[in-house]
Amino acid sequence: MRSPPRRLLSSALLTAPLLAFAAPAAADDAPPALRWDQPVSCYNLKEGKTLRVQCTQDAKGETCLVAPGEMVGIGDPLDKVQPCTPYNDDAYRALARRARIVPAVAEAPPGYARGESGRAFQVKFDLLNRFYIGVGWAPTLQSTRGFALPPGFPFARANAEMGIHLSILSPRRRARHDLRILEGSATFADLELRGTLLSYDYQHEHRRPLFWISTFFGEPDVFPILPRMGFGFRVLSVLDRQPSFRDALDMEFGEFHVAWNPWQSDDMYSHLRVEIGGNFGAHWQDRTIVSGKSGNYFIGPTAAIETRISLGKGGLHYLFSDLTFRRPTIVAGELTGETVNRLAGSFAYEGVLIAINDQPISARIAAEGRTQNDFVRDVRAVELRFFAGLRMSFGAPPRVFEPMPAFEDP
């Protein structure tokens, strides 16, 4: 039997990588992908196609992963690829004769994958960096004795929300900056507004131990003490329609706190945070005449425990919780000298469901409780609120795991 003509053999070598993507591959036979962190060569074929090639050398010889340089079935150039070293058709023919050719998919940036058509799509999301809008259902229960639907509150309350989140990591300084801007919500049927103009939190972990503790229980040992300290503040927060007095409005002009993180992940993304500080603001008994009547100005201590946990490193599932205590005292106004206790807590889950053009839509489920006295009436009121809804986020980059540099032991 005669060997096939050389032209036929060359054509088979050239078209094999392209034919491998003409039909969907079985899930168990998914082709390998070129690595993002390795150099790539581009071979421009006479047929007008481009192949992206990445080769490795081992004891068995040279193996080359070969991926189409265009969208399969469309012909458009691939997006989100690395610059490559160009070669011509003859160079690829020579490579195909000496190396083992393995059909593959083109490389994709960290946080992205590439589909069978060659399109890159985002598979990880950093929801600490985004602009979001959301809608949901927020049934609310409130009472001073037993729980009941508040008068005039339909069970099917609608809720709309929005906000801007920014989180900046500085590995060299071992620090993270968290900002929330124009974050707020509005509940409808009875209009209720809540929001904060600006919130900032800074967390830092020393590069060197602050001091050492030696123990002599059993074998002597020594332990580094690395306090994960930080601080933060809020500017202009609004709490409308408090549970104890539905016609009242609180406006917190400013709050400052110091913080300690008893636990945090290596990249400071997830943490348990304890805060102690103080705030000042104003209280109006009648929310409808804020512009025409002076408020009762308050000041007092604050304390909070909050957690932020990313489940896995893909940024698809998050847990949030907080417990906040405030004890404001009226220092100016007709209620001067009055002091109340206010306690609020919440627990929320948010998980990415789908993405439209790499803009994720997430489901959010939350429960919130609030109890407080009113400045005017000595009544302890409790409010429970539940939330189920969707958020659409814009500009969320891929979730990238960036651990801090190693500790320095002087």
Protein backbone atom coordinates (compact mmCIF):
# COMPACT_ATOMS: atom_id res chain seq x y z
CA MET A 1 0.00 0.00 0.00
CA ARG A 2 1.36 3.38 -0.99
CA SER A 3 1.77 6.17 1.63
CA PRO A 4 -0.69 9.09 1.30
CA PRO A 5 0.47 12.03 -0.79
CA ARG A 6 2.52 14.61 1.15
CA ARG A 7 0.02 17.39 0.39
CA LEU A 8 -2.84 15.34 1.88
CA LEU A 9 -0.80 14.61 5.01
CA SER A 10 0.10 18.29 5.44
CA SER A 11 -3.54 19.32 5.07
CA ALA A 12 -4.54 16.82 7.72
CA LEU A 13 -1.94 18.21 10.12
CA LEU A 14 -3.16 21.75 9.51
CA THR A 15 -6.85 21.10 9.82
CA ALA A 16 -6.82 18.67 12.76
CA PRO A 17 -6.87 21.39 15.44
CA LEU A 18 -9.72 23.16 13.68
CA LEU A 19 -11.83 20.04 13.13
CA ALA A 20 -11.50 19.18 16.82
CA PHE A 21 -13.68 22.21 17.60
CA ALA A 22 -16.17 21.83 14.77
CA ALA A 23 -18.38 19.58 16.95
CA PRO A 24 -18.97 19.83 20.71
CA ALA A 25 -16.64 17.63 22.73
CA ALA A 26 -17.92 15.22 25.34
CA ALA A 27 -17.71 16.46 28.91
CA ASP A 28 -15.15 13.77 29.78
CA ASP A 29 -13.02 14.63 26.73
CA ALA A 30 -12.71 18.38 27.28
CA PRO A 31 -9.63 19.62 25.43
CA PRO A 32 -6.75 21.13 27.42
CA ALA A 33 -6.23 24.88 27.50
CA LEU A 34 -3.16 26.94 26.80
CA ARG A 35 -1.66 28.45 29.94
CA TRP A 36 -2.00 32.19 30.51
CA ASP A 37 1.38 32.49 32.20
CA GLN A 38 3.36 30.81 29.38
CA PRO A 39 4.47 32.31 26.04
CA VAL A 40 2.30 31.67 22.98
CA SER A 41 3.23 31.43 19.30
CA CYS A 42 0.84 32.37 16.49
CA TYR A 43 1.05 30.62 13.12
CA ASN A 44 -0.65 32.38 10.20
CA LEU A 45 -1.74 29.71 7.72
CA LYS A 46 -2.10 30.18 3.99
CA GLU A 47 -5.81 29.38 4.30
CA GLY A 48 -6.22 32.65 6.23
CA LYS A 49 -6.60 30.95 9.62
CA THR A 50 -4.45 31.51 12.68
CA LEU A 51 -3.36 28.89 15.18
CA ARG A 52 -2.19 29.62 18.72
CA VAL A 53 0.48 27.19 19.84
CA GLN A 54 2.17 26.44 23.16
CA CYS A 55 4.83 23.73 23.24
CA THR A 56 6.54 21.78 26.03
CA GLN A 57 9.53 19.46 25.91
CA ASP A 58 9.89 16.29 27.95
CA ALA A 59 11.59 12.91 27.78
CA LYS A 60 9.07 11.71 25.19
CA GLY A 61 9.75 14.64 22.89
CA GLU A 62 7.97 17.86 21.99
CA THR A 63 4.22 18.25 22.59
CA CYS A 64 2.31 21.27 21.30
CA LEU A 65 -1.13 22.45 22.32
CA VAL A 66 -2.78 23.99 19.26
CA ALA A 67 -5.88 26.19 19.46
CA PRO A 68 -7.81 28.11 16.80
CA GLY A 69 -7.03 31.82 16.77
CA GLU A 70 -10.56 32.76 15.69
CA MET A 71 -14.06 32.15 16.99
CA VAL A 72 -15.22 28.77 15.71
CA GLY A 73 -18.06 29.15 13.21
CA ILE A 74 -17.86 32.96 13.36
CA GLY A 75 -14.36 33.82 12.26
CA ASP A 76 -13.92 36.84 14.53
CA PRO A 77 -10.56 37.14 16.28
CA LEU A 78 -10.38 35.87 19.86
CA ASP A 79 -10.61 38.41 22.65
CA LYS A 80 -8.75 38.43 25.97
CA VAL A 81 -5.63 36.65 24.73
CA GLN A 82 -1.94 37.21 25.35
CA PRO A 83 0.36 38.83 22.77
CA CYS A 84 2.03 36.13 20.70
CA THR A 85 5.14 35.64 18.59
CA PRO A 86 4.10 35.41 14.88
CA TYR A 87 5.25 32.67 12.51
CA ASN A 88 4.28 31.72 8.96
CA ASP A 89 2.64 28.66 7.41
CA ASP A 90 5.93 26.92 6.58
CA ALA A 91 7.08 27.16 10.20
CA TYR A 92 3.89 25.41 11.36
CA ARG A 93 4.32 22.65 8.77
CA ALA A 94 7.81 22.01 10.12
CA LEU A 95 6.51 22.03 13.70
CA ALA A 96 3.71 19.58 12.82
CA ARG A 97 6.23 17.12 11.36
CA ARG A 98 8.47 17.00 14.44
CA ALA A 99 6.05 17.50 17.38
CA ARG A 100 2.94 15.79 18.72
CA ILE A 101 -0.04 18.06 18.03
CA VAL A 102 -2.79 18.17 20.66
CA PRO A 103 -6.02 20.12 19.93
CA ALA A 104 -6.68 22.67 22.67
CA VAL A 105 -8.53 25.86 23.52
CA ALA A 106 -6.85 29.25 23.68
CA GLU A 107 -5.62 30.72 26.94
CA ALA A 108 -7.92 32.85 29.10
CA PRO A 109 -7.08 35.47 31.77
CA PRO A 110 -7.32 34.52 35.46
CA GLY A 111 -10.98 34.39 36.45
CA TYR A 112 -12.12 33.57 32.90
CA ALA A 113 -12.80 30.39 30.95
CA ARG A 114 -13.19 29.85 27.23
CA GLY A 115 -16.19 28.14 25.69
CA GLU A 116 -16.23 25.73 22.77
CA SER A 117 -16.76 28.61 20.35
CA GLY A 118 -13.63 30.32 21.67
CA ARG A 119 -15.46 33.12 23.51
CA ALA A 120 -13.95 34.04 26.87
CA PHE A 121 -16.45 34.42 29.72
CA GLN A 122 -16.03 35.39 33.36
CA VAL A 123 -16.36 32.57 35.90
CA LYS A 124 -15.18 34.34 39.08
CA PHE A 125 -16.60 37.56 40.54
CA ASP A 126 -15.37 39.99 43.17
CA LEU A 127 -18.57 41.39 44.65
CA LEU A 128 -16.55 43.74 46.88
CA ASN A 129 -15.91 45.82 43.75
CA ARG A 130 -19.08 46.71 41.87
CA PHE A 131 -22.03 49.00 41.31
CA TYR A 132 -25.26 47.17 41.97
CA ILE A 133 -29.00 47.68 41.75
CA GLY A 134 -31.51 45.29 43.25
CA VAL A 135 -35.18 44.58 43.82
CA GLY A 136 -36.88 42.22 46.21
CA TRP A 137 -39.60 41.28 48.63
CA ALA A 138 -39.27 42.54 52.21
CA PRO A 139 -42.07 41.38 54.53
CA THR A 140 -41.81 43.03 57.96
CA LEU A 141 -43.14 42.11 61.38
CA GLN A 142 -43.20 44.59 64.23
CA SER A 143 -44.57 44.72 67.75
CA THR A 144 -44.12 45.97 71.29
CA ARG A 145 -45.63 42.74 72.71
CA GLY A 146 -46.43 39.95 70.27
CA PHE A 147 -45.53 39.91 66.62
CA ALA A 148 -48.11 41.16 64.16
CA LEU A 149 -48.27 42.94 60.85
CA PRO A 150 -47.85 46.67 61.53
CA PRO A 151 -50.95 48.74 60.71
CA GLY A 152 -50.98 49.73 57.08
CA PHE A 153 -48.14 47.37 56.15
CA PRO A 154 -49.11 44.92 53.39
CA PHE A 155 -47.23 41.65 53.63
CA ALA A 156 -45.97 42.02 50.07
CA ARG A 157 -43.67 45.01 50.60
CA ALA A 158 -41.41 45.81 47.66
CA ASN A 159 -37.81 46.91 48.16
CA ALA A 160 -35.33 48.59 45.83
CA GLU A 161 -31.65 49.06 46.61
CA MET A 162 -28.40 50.30 45.09
CA GLY A 163 -24.81 50.93 46.08
CA ILE A 164 -21.18 51.19 45.04
CA HIS A 165 -18.58 48.89 46.64
CA LEU A 166 -14.82 49.30 46.30
CA SER A 167 -12.18 47.15 47.99
CA ILE A 168 -8.49 47.86 47.39
CA LEU A 169 -5.80 45.42 48.53
CA SER A 170 -2.22 46.53 49.11
CA PRO A 171 -0.14 43.34 49.51
CA ARG A 172 3.11 45.22 50.06
CA ARG A 173 1.61 47.23 52.93
CA ARG A 174 -0.45 44.25 54.14
CA ALA A 175 -3.59 46.39 54.15
CA ARG A 176 -7.09 46.49 52.63
CA HIS A 177 -9.33 49.52 52.10
CA ASP A 178 -13.11 48.97 51.88
CA LEU A 179 -15.43 51.74 50.68
CA ARG A 180 -19.20 51.84 50.26
CA ILE A 181 -20.66 54.85 48.49
CA LEU A 182 -24.28 55.96 48.02
CA GLU A 183 -25.58 52.72 49.46
CA GLY A 184 -29.26 52.70 50.33
CA SER A 185 -32.67 51.12 50.01
CA ALA A 186 -36.29 52.21 49.68
CA THR A 187 -39.23 50.10 50.83
CA PHE A 188 -42.56 50.75 49.18
CA ALA A 189 -46.25 50.70 50.04
CA ASP A 190 -45.23 52.96 52.91
CA LEU A 191 -42.12 54.81 51.79
CA GLU A 192 -39.19 53.99 54.08
CA LEU A 193 -35.63 55.12 53.32
CA ARG A 194 -32.33 53.82 54.66
CA GLY A 195 -28.87 54.58 53.42
CA THR A 196 -25.32 55.80 53.92
CA LEU A 197 -23.49 58.40 51.87
CA LEU A 198 -19.98 57.06 52.55
CA SER A 199 -18.54 54.24 54.63
CA TYR A 200 -14.81 53.48 54.89
CA ASP A 201 -12.96 50.66 56.66
CA TYR A 202 -9.23 50.06 56.87
CA GLN A 203 -7.64 46.83 58.06
CA HIS A 204 -3.96 46.21 58.50
CA GLU A 205 -1.74 43.35 59.56
CA HIS A 206 1.79 44.06 60.75
CA ARG A 207 4.60 42.73 58.62
CA ARG A 208 6.57 41.95 61.77
CA PRO A 209 5.25 40.72 65.14
CA LEU A 210 4.47 43.61 67.48
CA PHE A 211 5.81 41.59 70.41
CA TRP A 212 6.39 38.01 71.51
CA ILE A 213 4.87 36.02 74.36
CA SER A 214 6.86 33.24 75.98
CA THR A 215 5.04 30.45 77.81
CA PHE A 216 6.43 28.01 80.37
CA PHE A 217 3.55 25.55 80.73
CA GLY A 218 5.22 22.30 79.81
CA GLU A 219 7.96 22.86 77.24
CA PRO A 220 8.94 26.55 76.93
CA ASP A 221 7.64 28.10 73.72
CA VAL A 222 7.34 31.53 72.13
CA PHE A 223 4.46 32.98 70.07
CA PRO A 224 4.31 36.08 67.82
CA ILE A 225 1.57 38.63 68.54
CA LEU A 226 0.30 40.25 65.37
CA PRO A 227 -2.70 42.45 66.17
CA ARG A 228 -4.85 42.90 63.09
CA MET A 229 -5.93 46.45 63.82
CA GLY A 230 -7.82 48.98 61.75
CA PHE A 231 -10.32 51.80 61.84
CA GLY A 232 -13.26 53.18 59.91
CA PHE A 233 -15.97 55.80 59.69
CA ARG A 234 -19.39 56.52 58.25
CA VAL A 235 -20.73 59.82 56.92
CA LEU A 236 -24.42 60.76 56.77
CA SER A 237 -26.52 57.67 57.46
CA VAL A 238 -30.32 57.79 57.42
CA LEU A 239 -32.64 55.53 59.43
CA ASP A 240 -36.25 56.24 58.58
CA ARG A 241 -39.40 54.95 60.34
CA GLN A 242 -37.85 53.32 63.41
CA PRO A 243 -39.75 50.35 64.84
CA SER A 244 -40.62 52.05 68.14
CA PHE A 245 -41.86 55.28 66.55
CA ARG A 246 -42.93 55.01 62.92
CA ASP A 247 -43.14 58.77 62.41
CA ALA A 248 -39.55 59.43 63.53
CA LEU A 249 -36.34 59.92 61.58
CA ASP A 250 -32.73 59.49 62.70
CA MET A 251 -29.83 60.99 60.79
CA GLU A 252 -26.32 60.00 61.84
CA PHE A 253 -23.95 62.75 60.69
CA GLY A 254 -20.80 60.83 61.47
CA GLU A 255 -19.41 57.74 63.17
CA PHE A 256 -15.83 56.70 63.90
CA HIS A 257 -14.51 53.39 65.25
CA VAL A 258 -11.36 51.42 65.86
CA ALA A 259 -11.38 47.75 64.89
CA TRP A 260 -9.70 44.44 65.57
CA ASN A 261 -9.92 41.37 63.37
CA PRO A 262 -9.60 38.23 65.53
CA TRP A 263 -9.66 36.21 62.30
CA GLN A 264 -9.13 37.00 58.65
CA SER A 265 -8.22 35.12 55.49
CA ASP A 266 -4.72 35.32 54.03
CA ASP A 267 -5.77 38.05 51.60
CA MET A 268 -7.94 39.93 54.15
CA TYR A 269 -10.98 39.21 51.98
CA SER A 270 -12.93 37.26 54.60
CA HIS A 271 -12.85 38.33 58.22
CA LEU A 272 -14.39 38.55 61.67
CA ARG A 273 -14.28 42.18 62.80
CA VAL A 274 -14.92 43.79 66.19
CA GLU A 275 -15.52 47.58 66.31
CA ILE A 276 -15.77 50.10 69.14
CA GLY A 277 -16.46 53.79 68.54
CA GLY A 278 -18.91 56.63 68.80
CA ASN A 279 -21.39 58.57 66.68
CA PHE A 280 -23.30 61.82 66.60
CA GLY A 281 -26.45 62.87 64.78
CA ALA A 282 -29.98 64.18 65.12
CA HIS A 283 -33.43 62.75 65.86
CA TRP A 284 -36.73 64.16 64.60
CA GLN A 285 -39.99 63.00 66.13
CA ASP A 286 -41.93 63.94 63.00
CA ARG A 287 -40.24 62.83 59.78
CA THR A 288 -42.58 64.98 57.65
CA ILE A 289 -41.31 68.32 58.96
CA VAL A 290 -37.55 67.79 59.07
CA SER A 291 -36.87 71.03 57.22
CA GLY A 292 -39.08 73.14 59.49
CA LYS A 293 -38.19 72.02 63.00
CA SER A 294 -34.93 71.65 64.87
CA GLY A 295 -33.89 68.14 65.72
CA ASN A 296 -32.71 66.61 68.97
CA TYR A 297 -28.96 66.18 68.62
CA PHE A 298 -27.43 63.06 70.10
CA ILE A 299 -24.02 61.53 70.76
CA GLY A 300 -23.12 58.14 72.13
CA PRO A 301 -20.96 55.01 72.02
CA THR A 302 -21.25 52.30 69.39
CA ALA A 303 -20.04 48.70 69.15
CA ALA A 304 -20.31 46.10 66.41
CA ILE A 305 -19.31 42.57 65.44
CA GLU A 306 -19.47 41.75 61.76
CA THR A 307 -18.34 38.96 59.47
CA ARG A 308 -17.71 38.75 55.74
CA ILE A 309 -17.02 35.31 54.32
CA SER A 310 -16.39 34.27 50.73
CA LEU A 311 -17.21 30.58 50.31
CA GLY A 312 -14.35 29.37 48.13
CA LYS A 313 -12.07 31.46 45.94
CA GLY A 314 -14.42 31.89 42.99
CA GLY A 315 -16.49 34.73 44.43
CA LEU A 316 -19.78 32.98 43.67
CA HIS A 317 -21.08 32.63 47.24
CA TYR A 318 -20.90 35.06 50.16
CA LEU A 319 -22.11 35.22 53.76
CA PHE A 320 -22.51 38.51 55.66
CA SER A 321 -23.55 39.13 59.25
CA ASP A 322 -23.44 41.99 61.74
CA LEU A 323 -24.55 42.82 65.26
CA THR A 324 -24.55 46.53 66.18
CA PHE A 325 -25.22 48.27 69.51
CA ARG A 326 -25.77 52.02 69.91
CA ARG A 327 -26.57 54.07 73.02
CA PRO A 328 -27.36 57.63 71.92
CA THR A 329 -27.96 60.41 74.44
CA ILE A 330 -29.74 63.65 73.48
CA VAL A 331 -27.37 66.55 74.20
CA ALA A 332 -29.33 69.40 72.57
CA GLY A 333 -33.04 69.89 71.89
CA GLU A 334 -36.29 69.47 73.76
CA LEU A 335 -35.43 65.87 74.74
CA THR A 336 -32.02 66.75 76.24
CA GLY A 337 -30.79 64.12 78.67
CA GLU A 338 -32.82 61.21 77.24
CA THR A 339 -30.84 58.01 76.54
CA VAL A 340 -31.95 54.85 74.77
CA ASN A 341 -30.46 51.48 73.78
CA ARG A 342 -30.58 50.29 70.19
CA LEU A 343 -29.60 46.83 68.99
CA ALA A 344 -29.67 45.61 65.39
CA GLY A 345 -28.46 42.46 63.68
CA SER A 346 -28.60 40.85 60.26
CA PHE A 347 -27.54 37.74 58.39
CA ALA A 348 -27.42 37.54 54.60
CA TYR A 349 -26.41 35.18 51.82
CA GLU A 350 -25.62 36.28 48.28
CA GLY A 351 -24.82 33.92 45.44
CA VAL A 352 -24.25 34.46 41.71
CA LEU A 353 -26.88 32.78 39.53
CA ILE A 354 -26.13 33.85 35.96
CA ALA A 355 -24.21 36.57 34.13
CA ILE A 356 -25.24 38.69 31.14
CA ASN A 357 -22.20 39.83 29.17
CA ASP A 358 -20.10 39.08 32.29
CA GLN A 359 -22.37 41.25 34.48
CA PRO A 360 -23.52 38.91 37.30
CA ILE A 361 -27.06 38.58 38.59
CA SER A 362 -27.09 37.28 42.15
CA ALA A 363 -29.75 36.07 44.55
CA ARG A 364 -29.79 37.66 48.00
CA ILE A 365 -31.60 36.25 51.03
CA ALA A 366 -31.45 38.10 54.35
CA ALA A 367 -33.00 38.32 57.79
CA GLU A 368 -32.75 41.42 59.96
CA GLY A 369 -33.81 42.14 63.53
CA ARG A 370 -33.96 45.45 65.36
CA THR A 371 -34.96 46.40 68.88
CA GLN A 372 -34.86 49.79 70.57
CA ASN A 373 -36.46 52.23 72.97
CA ASP A 374 -37.94 55.46 71.74
CA PHE A 375 -36.76 58.81 73.11
CA VAL A 376 -40.34 59.93 73.82
CA ARG A 377 -42.12 56.77 74.98
CA ASP A 378 -40.64 54.17 77.30
CA VAL A 379 -41.55 51.37 74.90
CA ARG A 380 -39.34 48.49 73.83
CA ALA A 381 -40.16 47.67 70.19
CA VAL A 382 -38.95 44.77 68.07
CA GLU A 383 -38.90 44.56 64.29
CA LEU A 384 -38.15 41.52 62.13
CA ARG A 385 -37.58 41.95 58.44
CA PHE A 386 -36.95 39.32 55.81
CA PHE A 387 -35.65 39.90 52.31
CA ALA A 388 -35.51 37.83 49.14
CA GLY A 389 -34.49 39.39 45.86
CA LEU A 390 -32.07 39.80 43.00
CA ARG A 391 -29.11 42.09 42.48
CA MET A 392 -27.47 42.96 39.18
CA SER A 393 -23.86 44.04 39.50
CA PHE A 394 -21.82 46.06 37.04
CA GLY A 395 -18.05 46.24 36.76
CA ALA A 396 -17.32 43.33 39.11
CA PRO A 397 -13.79 42.10 38.25
CA PRO A 398 -12.72 38.47 38.58
CA ARG A 399 -12.09 37.28 42.13
CA VAL A 400 -8.31 36.98 42.41
CA PHE A 401 -6.67 35.38 45.44
CA GLU A 402 -3.72 37.52 46.54
CA PRO A 403 -2.10 36.27 49.76
CA MET A 404 0.00 38.66 51.82
CA PRO A 405 3.83 38.53 51.79
CA ALA A 406 5.42 36.26 54.36
CA PHE A 407 5.95 37.54 57.90
CA GLU A 408 9.33 38.93 58.75
CA ASP A 409 10.98 37.48 61.84
CA PRO A 410 13.63 39.99 62.95
